[in-house]
Amino acid sequence: DTLLAESEARFHLMLLEIERLAVLANNKAVPRKTQVYLFGSYAPTLLALMTDAERDSMFWELARAYLEGIARDAERYAKLSRSERAQFWR
């Protein structure tokens, strides 16, 4: 039970960092293509790890929306040719 509580606390700290990334992203501090390249493979996994309570919480709306957007963009990225994906590597 303690291990579960510690894991949940660490996950919430990670969600807080994702929210910080989302704020930076929303203010165009990092190009979207760079975000997709660096974070796209993690977004679907993190979304799957969120509990229903976390997913529905107004306190994690920004993190959830950011992850969902990156996951959608990563799906599109996966369908591009290698030369088209190269533009994401900057």
PDB file of N, CA and C in Angstrom:
ATOM      1  N   ASP A   1       0.830  -1.206   0.000  1.00  0.00           N
ATOM      2  CA  ASP A   1       0.000   0.000   0.000  1.00  0.00           C
ATOM      3  C   ASP A   1       0.865   1.257   0.000  1.00  0.00           C
ATOM      4  N   THR A   2       1.957   1.224   0.752  1.00  0.00           N
ATOM      5  CA  THR A   2       2.877   2.366   0.780  1.00  0.00           C
ATOM      6  C   THR A   2       3.534   2.555  -0.576  1.00  0.00           C
ATOM      7  N   LEU A   3       3.904   1.444  -1.205  1.00  0.00           N
ATOM      8  CA  LEU A   3       4.516   1.522  -2.537  1.00  0.00           C
ATOM      9  C   LEU A   3       3.556   2.130  -3.545  1.00  0.00           C
ATOM     10  N   LEU A   4       2.301   1.753  -3.469  1.00  0.00           N
ATOM     11  CA  LEU A   4       1.287   2.310  -4.362  1.00  0.00           C
ATOM     12  C   LEU A   4       1.133   3.811  -4.138  1.00  0.00           C
ATOM     13  N   ALA A   5       1.098   4.224  -2.888  1.00  0.00           N
ATOM     14  CA  ALA A   5       0.973   5.650  -2.572  1.00  0.00           C
ATOM     15  C   ALA A   5       2.186   6.431  -3.064  1.00  0.00           C
ATOM     16  N   GLU A   6       3.373   5.857  -2.917  1.00  0.00           N
ATOM     17  CA  GLU A   6       4.595   6.519  -3.394  1.00  0.00           C
ATOM     18  C   GLU A   6       4.592   6.625  -4.918  1.00  0.00           C
ATOM     19  N   SER A   7       4.158   5.561  -5.575  1.00  0.00           N
ATOM     20  CA  SER A   7       4.089   5.574  -7.037  1.00  0.00           C
ATOM     21  C   SER A   7       3.100   6.623  -7.521  1.00  0.00           C
ATOM     22  N   GLU A   8       1.958   6.696  -6.866  1.00  0.00           N
ATOM     23  CA  GLU A   8       0.951   7.684  -7.245  1.00  0.00           C
ATOM     24  C   GLU A   8       1.483   9.104  -7.031  1.00  0.00           C
ATOM     25  N   ALA A   9       2.190   9.327  -5.937  1.00  0.00           N
ATOM     26  CA  ALA A   9       2.770  10.652  -5.669  1.00  0.00           C
ATOM     27  C   ALA A   9       3.782  11.025  -6.750  1.00  0.00           C
ATOM     28  N   ARG A  10       4.626  10.068  -7.145  1.00  0.00           N
ATOM     29  CA  ARG A  10       5.609  10.341  -8.206  1.00  0.00           C
ATOM     30  C   ARG A  10       4.915  10.606  -9.543  1.00  0.00           C
ATOM     31  N   PHE A  11       3.846   9.855  -9.819  1.00  0.00           N
ATOM     32  CA  PHE A  11       3.095  10.072 -11.049  1.00  0.00           C
ATOM     33  C   PHE A  11       2.490  11.473 -11.058  1.00  0.00           C
ATOM     34  N   HIS A  12       1.973  11.916  -9.930  1.00  0.00           N
ATOM     35  CA  HIS A  12       1.395  13.261  -9.854  1.00  0.00           C
ATOM     36  C   HIS A  12       2.464  14.338 -10.025  1.00  0.00           C
ATOM     37  N   LEU A  13       3.653  14.097  -9.518  1.00  0.00           N
ATOM     38  CA  LEU A  13       4.752  15.044  -9.758  1.00  0.00           C
ATOM     39  C   LEU A  13       5.090  15.098 -11.246  1.00  0.00           C
ATOM     40  N   MET A  14       5.045  13.954 -11.910  1.00  0.00           N
ATOM     41  CA  MET A  14       5.296  13.933 -13.347  1.00  0.00           C
ATOM     42  C   MET A  14       4.196  14.683 -14.093  1.00  0.00           C
ATOM     43  N   LEU A  15       2.929  14.490 -13.684  1.00  0.00           N
ATOM     44  CA  LEU A  15       1.840  15.227 -14.319  1.00  0.00           C
ATOM     45  C   LEU A  15       2.022  16.732 -14.139  1.00  0.00           C
ATOM     46  N   LEU A  16       2.524  17.135 -12.990  1.00  0.00           N
ATOM     47  CA  LEU A  16       2.803  18.549 -12.759  1.00  0.00           C
ATOM     48  C   LEU A  16       3.856  19.059 -13.743  1.00  0.00           C
ATOM     49  N   GLU A  17       4.880  18.268 -13.985  1.00  0.00           N
ATOM     50  CA  GLU A  17       5.900  18.653 -14.968  1.00  0.00           C
ATOM     51  C   GLU A  17       5.308  18.704 -16.375  1.00  0.00           C
ATOM     52  N   ILE A  18       4.402  17.791 -16.681  1.00  0.00           N
ATOM     53  CA  ILE A  18       3.739  17.802 -17.992  1.00  0.00           C
ATOM     54  C   ILE A  18       2.908  19.065 -18.136  1.00  0.00           C
ATOM     55  N   GLU A  19       2.266  19.481 -17.061  1.00  0.00           N
ATOM     56  CA  GLU A  19       1.508  20.734 -17.117  1.00  0.00           C
ATOM     57  C   GLU A  19       2.434  21.905 -17.393  1.00  0.00           C
ATOM     58  N   ARG A  20       3.603  21.894 -16.816  1.00  0.00           N
ATOM     59  CA  ARG A  20       4.580  22.967 -17.096  1.00  0.00           C
ATOM     60  C   ARG A  20       4.977  22.944 -18.564  1.00  0.00           C
ATOM     61  N   LEU A  21       5.194  21.753 -19.104  1.00  0.00           N
ATOM     62  CA  LEU A  21       5.485  21.634 -20.536  1.00  0.00           C
ATOM     63  C   LEU A  21       4.334  22.170 -21.371  1.00  0.00           C
ATOM     64  N   ALA A  22       3.110  21.863 -20.942  1.00  0.00           N
ATOM     65  CA  ALA A  22       1.930  22.329 -21.676  1.00  0.00           C
ATOM     66  C   ALA A  22       1.853  23.846 -21.687  1.00  0.00           C
ATOM     67  N   VAL A  23       2.167  24.473 -20.567  1.00  0.00           N
ATOM     68  CA  VAL A  23       2.160  25.937 -20.507  1.00  0.00           C
ATOM     69  C   VAL A  23       3.206  26.496 -21.472  1.00  0.00           C
ATOM     70  N   LEU A  24       4.388  25.908 -21.461  1.00  0.00           N
ATOM     71  CA  LEU A  24       5.424  26.352 -22.401  1.00  0.00           C
ATOM     72  C   LEU A  24       4.967  26.127 -23.844  1.00  0.00           C
ATOM     73  N   ALA A  25       4.373  24.979 -24.102  1.00  0.00           N
ATOM     74  CA  ALA A  25       3.901  24.663 -25.451  1.00  0.00           C
ATOM     75  C   ALA A  25       2.815  25.634 -25.885  1.00  0.00           C
ATOM     76  N   ASN A  26       1.890  25.931 -24.987  1.00  0.00           N
ATOM     77  CA  ASN A  26       0.799  26.845 -25.323  1.00  0.00           C
ATOM     78  C   ASN A  26       1.301  28.259 -25.599  1.00  0.00           C
ATOM     79  N   ASN A  27       2.468  28.571 -25.086  1.00  0.00           N
ATOM     80  CA  ASN A  27       3.065  29.881 -25.319  1.00  0.00           C
ATOM     81  C   ASN A  27       4.147  29.835 -26.395  1.00  0.00           C
ATOM     82  N   LYS A  28       4.153  28.734 -27.135  1.00  0.00           N
ATOM     83  CA  LYS A  28       5.039  28.545 -28.289  1.00  0.00           C
ATOM     84  C   LYS A  28       6.523  28.669 -27.949  1.00  0.00           C
ATOM     85  N   ALA A  29       6.889  28.230 -26.735  1.00  0.00           N
ATOM     86  CA  ALA A  29       8.290  28.257 -26.321  1.00  0.00           C
ATOM     87  C   ALA A  29       9.110  27.167 -27.010  1.00  0.00           C
ATOM     88  N   VAL A  30       8.447  26.098 -27.415  1.00  0.00           N
ATOM     89  CA  VAL A  30       9.095  24.986 -28.105  1.00  0.00           C
ATOM     90  C   VAL A  30       8.238  24.640 -29.316  1.00  0.00           C
ATOM     91  N   PRO A  31       8.841  24.509 -30.492  1.00  0.00           N
ATOM     92  CA  PRO A  31       8.056  24.168 -31.684  1.00  0.00           C
ATOM     93  C   PRO A  31       7.293  22.860 -31.492  1.00  0.00           C
ATOM     94  N   ARG A  32       6.075  22.787 -32.028  1.00  0.00           N
ATOM     95  CA  ARG A  32       5.230  21.601 -31.875  1.00  0.00           C
ATOM     96  C   ARG A  32       5.917  20.363 -32.442  1.00  0.00           C
ATOM     97  N   LYS A  33       6.595  20.507 -33.562  1.00  0.00           N
ATOM     98  CA  LYS A  33       7.280  19.361 -34.160  1.00  0.00           C
ATOM     99  C   LYS A  33       8.323  18.794 -33.202  1.00  0.00           C
ATOM    100  N   THR A  34       9.002  19.644 -32.488  1.00  0.00           N
ATOM    101  CA  THR A  34       9.988  19.189 -31.504  1.00  0.00           C
ATOM    102  C   THR A  34       9.301  18.470 -30.350  1.00  0.00           C
ATOM    103  N   GLN A  35       8.176  18.998 -29.898  1.00  0.00           N
ATOM    104  CA  GLN A  35       7.436  18.359 -28.815  1.00  0.00           C
ATOM    105  C   GLN A  35       6.991  16.954 -29.218  1.00  0.00           C
ATOM    106  N   VAL A  36       6.467  16.835 -30.435  1.00  0.00           N
ATOM    107  CA  VAL A  36       5.989  15.541 -30.921  1.00  0.00           C
ATOM    108  C   VAL A  36       7.151  14.556 -31.004  1.00  0.00           C
ATOM    109  N   TYR A  37       8.265  14.998 -31.535  1.00  0.00           N
ATOM    110  CA  TYR A  37       9.414  14.110 -31.678  1.00  0.00           C
ATOM    111  C   TYR A  37       9.933  13.656 -30.316  1.00  0.00           C
ATOM    112  N   LEU A  38      10.049  14.569 -29.384  1.00  0.00           N
ATOM    113  CA  LEU A  38      10.639  14.240 -28.087  1.00  0.00           C
ATOM    114  C   LEU A  38       9.685  13.518 -27.137  1.00  0.00           C
ATOM    115  N   PHE A  39       8.388  13.763 -27.261  1.00  0.00           N
ATOM    116  CA  PHE A  39       7.452  13.296 -26.250  1.00  0.00           C
ATOM    117  C   PHE A  39       6.339  12.408 -26.804  1.00  0.00           C
ATOM    118  N   GLY A  40       6.255  12.289 -28.113  1.00  0.00           N
ATOM    119  CA  GLY A  40       5.149  11.575 -28.741  1.00  0.00           C
ATOM    120  C   GLY A  40       5.031  10.112 -28.370  1.00  0.00           C
ATOM    121  N   SER A  41       6.139   9.436 -28.169  1.00  0.00           N
ATOM    122  CA  SER A  41       6.053   8.013 -27.847  1.00  0.00           C
ATOM    123  C   SER A  41       5.578   7.777 -26.415  1.00  0.00           C
ATOM    124  N   TYR A  42       5.748   8.753 -25.546  1.00  0.00           N
ATOM    125  CA  TYR A  42       5.347   8.605 -24.145  1.00  0.00           C
ATOM    126  C   TYR A  42       3.886   8.962 -23.894  1.00  0.00           C
ATOM    127  N   ALA A  43       3.345   9.856 -24.680  1.00  0.00           N
ATOM    128  CA  ALA A  43       2.003  10.387 -24.410  1.00  0.00           C
ATOM    129  C   ALA A  43       0.930   9.299 -24.310  1.00  0.00           C
ATOM    130  N   PRO A  44       0.831   8.378 -25.271  1.00  0.00           N
ATOM    131  CA  PRO A  44      -0.211   7.350 -25.155  1.00  0.00           C
ATOM    132  C   PRO A  44      -0.034   6.475 -23.906  1.00  0.00           C
ATOM    133  N   THR A  45       1.196   6.171 -23.565  1.00  0.00           N
ATOM    134  CA  THR A  45       1.465   5.346 -22.384  1.00  0.00           C
ATOM    135  C   THR A  45       1.036   6.063 -21.113  1.00  0.00           C
ATOM    136  N   LEU A  46       1.364   7.343 -21.021  1.00  0.00           N
ATOM    137  CA  LEU A  46       0.990   8.109 -19.829  1.00  0.00           C
ATOM    138  C   LEU A  46      -0.515   8.271 -19.722  1.00  0.00           C
ATOM    139  N   LEU A  47      -1.173   8.471 -20.842  1.00  0.00           N
ATOM    140  CA  LEU A  47      -2.637   8.555 -20.821  1.00  0.00           C
ATOM    141  C   LEU A  47      -3.251   7.260 -20.308  1.00  0.00           C
ATOM    142  N   ALA A  48      -2.690   6.144 -20.723  1.00  0.00           N
ATOM    143  CA  ALA A  48      -3.206   4.842 -20.296  1.00  0.00           C
ATOM    144  C   ALA A  48      -2.989   4.614 -18.801  1.00  0.00           C
ATOM    145  N   LEU A  49      -1.966   5.237 -18.241  1.00  0.00           N
ATOM    146  CA  LEU A  49      -1.675   5.071 -16.814  1.00  0.00           C
ATOM    147  C   LEU A  49      -2.547   5.943 -15.920  1.00  0.00           C
ATOM    148  N   MET A  50      -3.174   6.945 -16.498  1.00  0.00           N
ATOM    149  CA  MET A  50      -4.015   7.838 -15.692  1.00  0.00           C
ATOM    150  C   MET A  50      -5.260   7.087 -15.221  1.00  0.00           C
ATOM    151  N   THR A  51      -5.593   7.274 -13.973  1.00  0.00           N
ATOM    152  CA  THR A  51      -6.827   6.686 -13.446  1.00  0.00           C
ATOM    153  C   THR A  51      -8.013   7.513 -13.938  1.00  0.00           C
ATOM    154  N   ASP A  52      -9.200   6.962 -13.801  1.00  0.00           N
ATOM    155  CA  ASP A  52     -10.404   7.713 -14.169  1.00  0.00           C
ATOM    156  C   ASP A  52     -10.499   9.000 -13.365  1.00  0.00           C
ATOM    157  N   ALA A  53     -10.151   8.927 -12.089  1.00  0.00           N
ATOM    158  CA  ALA A  53     -10.204  10.114 -11.236  1.00  0.00           C
ATOM    159  C   ALA A  53      -9.230  11.184 -11.726  1.00  0.00           C
ATOM    160  N   GLU A  54      -8.026  10.777 -12.112  1.00  0.00           N
ATOM    161  CA  GLU A  54      -7.049  11.733 -12.635  1.00  0.00           C
ATOM    162  C   GLU A  54      -7.520  12.296 -13.970  1.00  0.00           C
ATOM    163  N   ARG A  55      -8.044  11.431 -14.812  1.00  0.00           N
ATOM    164  CA  ARG A  55      -8.521  11.839 -16.132  1.00  0.00           C
ATOM    165  C   ARG A  55      -9.674  12.838 -16.028  1.00  0.00           C
ATOM    166  N   ASP A  56     -10.525  12.653 -15.026  1.00  0.00           N
ATOM    167  CA  ASP A  56     -11.700  13.505 -14.859  1.00  0.00           C
ATOM    168  C   ASP A  56     -11.463  14.727 -13.978  1.00  0.00           C
ATOM    169  N   SER A  57     -10.322  14.783 -13.334  1.00  0.00           N
ATOM    170  CA  SER A  57     -10.041  15.874 -12.403  1.00  0.00           C
ATOM    171  C   SER A  57      -9.776  17.189 -13.132  1.00  0.00           C
ATOM    172  N   MET A  58     -10.402  18.246 -12.652  1.00  0.00           N
ATOM    173  CA  MET A  58     -10.154  19.557 -13.259  1.00  0.00           C
ATOM    174  C   MET A  58      -8.707  20.003 -13.031  1.00  0.00           C
ATOM    175  N   PHE A  59      -8.042  19.412 -12.057  1.00  0.00           N
ATOM    176  CA  PHE A  59      -6.669  19.805 -11.755  1.00  0.00           C
ATOM    177  C   PHE A  59      -5.653  19.208 -12.725  1.00  0.00           C
ATOM    178  N   TRP A  60      -6.057  18.199 -13.479  1.00  0.00           N
ATOM    179  CA  TRP A  60      -5.156  17.595 -14.458  1.00  0.00           C
ATOM    180  C   TRP A  60      -5.645  17.815 -15.886  1.00  0.00           C
ATOM    181  N   GLU A  61      -6.599  18.715 -16.085  1.00  0.00           N
ATOM    182  CA  GLU A  61      -7.144  18.948 -17.428  1.00  0.00           C
ATOM    183  C   GLU A  61      -6.075  19.380 -18.416  1.00  0.00           C
ATOM    184  N   LEU A  62      -5.225  20.266 -17.991  1.00  0.00           N
ATOM    185  CA  LEU A  62      -4.187  20.775 -18.888  1.00  0.00           C
ATOM    186  C   LEU A  62      -3.228  19.660 -19.281  1.00  0.00           C
ATOM    187  N   ALA A  63      -2.781  18.884 -18.311  1.00  0.00           N
ATOM    188  CA  ALA A  63      -1.857  17.775 -18.599  1.00  0.00           C
ATOM    189  C   ALA A  63      -2.517  16.758 -19.521  1.00  0.00           C
ATOM    190  N   ARG A  64      -3.766  16.390 -19.225  1.00  0.00           N
ATOM    191  CA  ARG A  64      -4.478  15.407 -20.043  1.00  0.00           C
ATOM    192  C   ARG A  64      -4.657  15.911 -21.472  1.00  0.00           C
ATOM    193  N   ALA A  65      -5.088  17.144 -21.617  1.00  0.00           N
ATOM    194  CA  ALA A  65      -5.298  17.706 -22.955  1.00  0.00           C
ATOM    195  C   ALA A  65      -3.989  17.765 -23.738  1.00  0.00           C
ATOM    196  N   TYR A  66      -2.915  18.133 -23.065  1.00  0.00           N
ATOM    197  CA  TYR A  66      -1.607  18.189 -23.716  1.00  0.00           C
ATOM    198  C   TYR A  66      -1.202  16.790 -24.198  1.00  0.00           C
ATOM    199  N   LEU A  67      -1.329  15.803 -23.324  1.00  0.00           N
ATOM    200  CA  LEU A  67      -0.968  14.434 -23.692  1.00  0.00           C
ATOM    201  C   LEU A  67      -1.825  13.928 -24.845  1.00  0.00           C
ATOM    202  N   GLU A  68      -3.115  14.222 -24.810  1.00  0.00           N
ATOM    203  CA  GLU A  68      -4.002  13.789 -25.889  1.00  0.00           C
ATOM    204  C   GLU A  68      -3.606  14.431 -27.216  1.00  0.00           C
ATOM    205  N   GLY A  69      -3.277  15.709 -27.183  1.00  0.00           N
ATOM    206  CA  GLY A  69      -2.852  16.396 -28.408  1.00  0.00           C
ATOM    207  C   GLY A  69      -1.554  15.852 -28.957  1.00  0.00           C
ATOM    208  N   ILE A  70      -0.591  15.620 -28.082  1.00  0.00           N
ATOM    209  CA  ILE A  70       0.695  15.062 -28.517  1.00  0.00           C
ATOM    210  C   ILE A  70       0.485  13.654 -29.072  1.00  0.00           C
ATOM    211  N   ALA A  71      -0.361  12.867 -28.426  1.00  0.00           N
ATOM    212  CA  ALA A  71      -0.632  11.499 -28.903  1.00  0.00           C
ATOM    213  C   ALA A  71      -1.248  11.529 -30.301  1.00  0.00           C
ATOM    214  N   ARG A  72      -2.205  12.436 -30.528  1.00  0.00           N
ATOM    215  CA  ARG A  72      -2.819  12.551 -31.870  1.00  0.00           C
ATOM    216  C   ARG A  72      -1.777  12.953 -32.902  1.00  0.00           C
ATOM    217  N   ASP A  73      -0.958  13.940 -32.553  1.00  0.00           N
ATOM    218  CA  ASP A  73       0.072  14.389 -33.483  1.00  0.00           C
ATOM    219  C   ASP A  73       1.096  13.290 -33.750  1.00  0.00           C
ATOM    220  N   ALA A  74       1.401  12.485 -32.739  1.00  0.00           N
ATOM    221  CA  ALA A  74       2.363  11.396 -32.904  1.00  0.00           C
ATOM    222  C   ALA A  74       1.812  10.331 -33.844  1.00  0.00           C
ATOM    223  N   GLU A  75       0.500  10.097 -33.809  1.00  0.00           N
ATOM    224  CA  GLU A  75      -0.115   9.154 -34.763  1.00  0.00           C
ATOM    225  C   GLU A  75       0.096   9.633 -36.193  1.00  0.00           C
ATOM    226  N   ARG A  76      -0.107  10.924 -36.410  1.00  0.00           N
ATOM    227  CA  ARG A  76       0.109  11.489 -37.755  1.00  0.00           C
ATOM    228  C   ARG A  76       1.589  11.409 -38.129  1.00  0.00           C
ATOM    229  N   TYR A  77       2.452  11.685 -37.172  1.00  0.00           N
ATOM    230  CA  TYR A  77       3.899  11.638 -37.385  1.00  0.00           C
ATOM    231  C   TYR A  77       4.324  10.240 -37.848  1.00  0.00           C
ATOM    232  N   ALA A  78       3.741   9.214 -37.236  1.00  0.00           N
ATOM    233  CA  ALA A  78       4.100   7.830 -37.561  1.00  0.00           C
ATOM    234  C   ALA A  78       3.754   7.471 -39.002  1.00  0.00           C
ATOM    235  N   LYS A  79       2.834   8.190 -39.613  1.00  0.00           N
ATOM    236  CA  LYS A  79       2.405   7.896 -40.986  1.00  0.00           C
ATOM    237  C   LYS A  79       3.234   8.639 -42.032  1.00  0.00           C
ATOM    238  N   LEU A  80       4.125   9.511 -41.586  1.00  0.00           N
ATOM    239  CA  LEU A  80       4.954  10.280 -42.517  1.00  0.00           C
ATOM    240  C   LEU A  80       6.124   9.442 -43.025  1.00  0.00           C
ATOM    241  N   SER A  81       6.655   9.840 -44.156  1.00  0.00           N
ATOM    242  CA  SER A  81       7.868   9.190 -44.664  1.00  0.00           C
ATOM    243  C   SER A  81       9.057   9.677 -43.845  1.00  0.00           C
ATOM    244  N   ARG A  82      10.154   8.974 -43.967  1.00  0.00           N
ATOM    245  CA  ARG A  82      11.364   9.362 -43.218  1.00  0.00           C
ATOM    246  C   ARG A  82      11.779  10.795 -43.545  1.00  0.00           C
ATOM    247  N   SER A  83      11.734  11.173 -44.805  1.00  0.00           N
ATOM    248  CA  SER A  83      12.140  12.531 -45.182  1.00  0.00           C
ATOM    249  C   SER A  83      11.172  13.572 -44.613  1.00  0.00           C
ATOM    250  N   GLU A  84       9.887  13.230 -44.544  1.00  0.00           N
ATOM    251  CA  GLU A  84       8.922  14.156 -43.934  1.00  0.00           C
ATOM    252  C   GLU A  84       9.144  14.262 -42.421  1.00  0.00           C
ATOM    253  N   ARG A  85       9.515  13.146 -41.787  1.00  0.00           N
ATOM    254  CA  ARG A  85       9.780  13.169 -40.339  1.00  0.00           C
ATOM    255  C   ARG A  85      11.037  13.956 -40.011  1.00  0.00           C
ATOM    256  N   ALA A  86      11.958  14.062 -40.946  1.00  0.00           N
ATOM    257  CA  ALA A  86      13.227  14.743 -40.697  1.00  0.00           C
ATOM    258  C   ALA A  86      13.010  16.192 -40.255  1.00  0.00           C
ATOM    259  N   GLN A  87      11.937  16.819 -40.699  1.00  0.00           N
ATOM    260  CA  GLN A  87      11.677  18.209 -40.304  1.00  0.00           C
ATOM    261  C   GLN A  87      11.391  18.322 -38.802  1.00  0.00           C
ATOM    262  N   PHE A  88      11.038  17.217 -38.154  1.00  0.00           N
ATOM    263  CA  PHE A  88      10.758  17.210 -36.726  1.00  0.00           C
ATOM    264  C   PHE A  88      12.029  17.129 -35.891  1.00  0.00           C
ATOM    265  N   TRP A  89      13.157  16.868 -36.511  1.00  0.00           N
ATOM    266  CA  TRP A  89      14.386  16.581 -35.781  1.00  0.00           C
ATOM    267  C   TRP A  89      15.202  17.821 -35.434  1.00  0.00           C
ATOM    268  N   ARG A  90      14.669  18.977 -35.603  1.00  0.00           N
ATOM    269  CA  ARG A  90      15.426  20.213 -35.354  1.00  0.00           C
ATOM    270  C   ARG A  90      15.315  20.649 -33.920  1.00  0.00           C
TER     271      ARG A  90
END
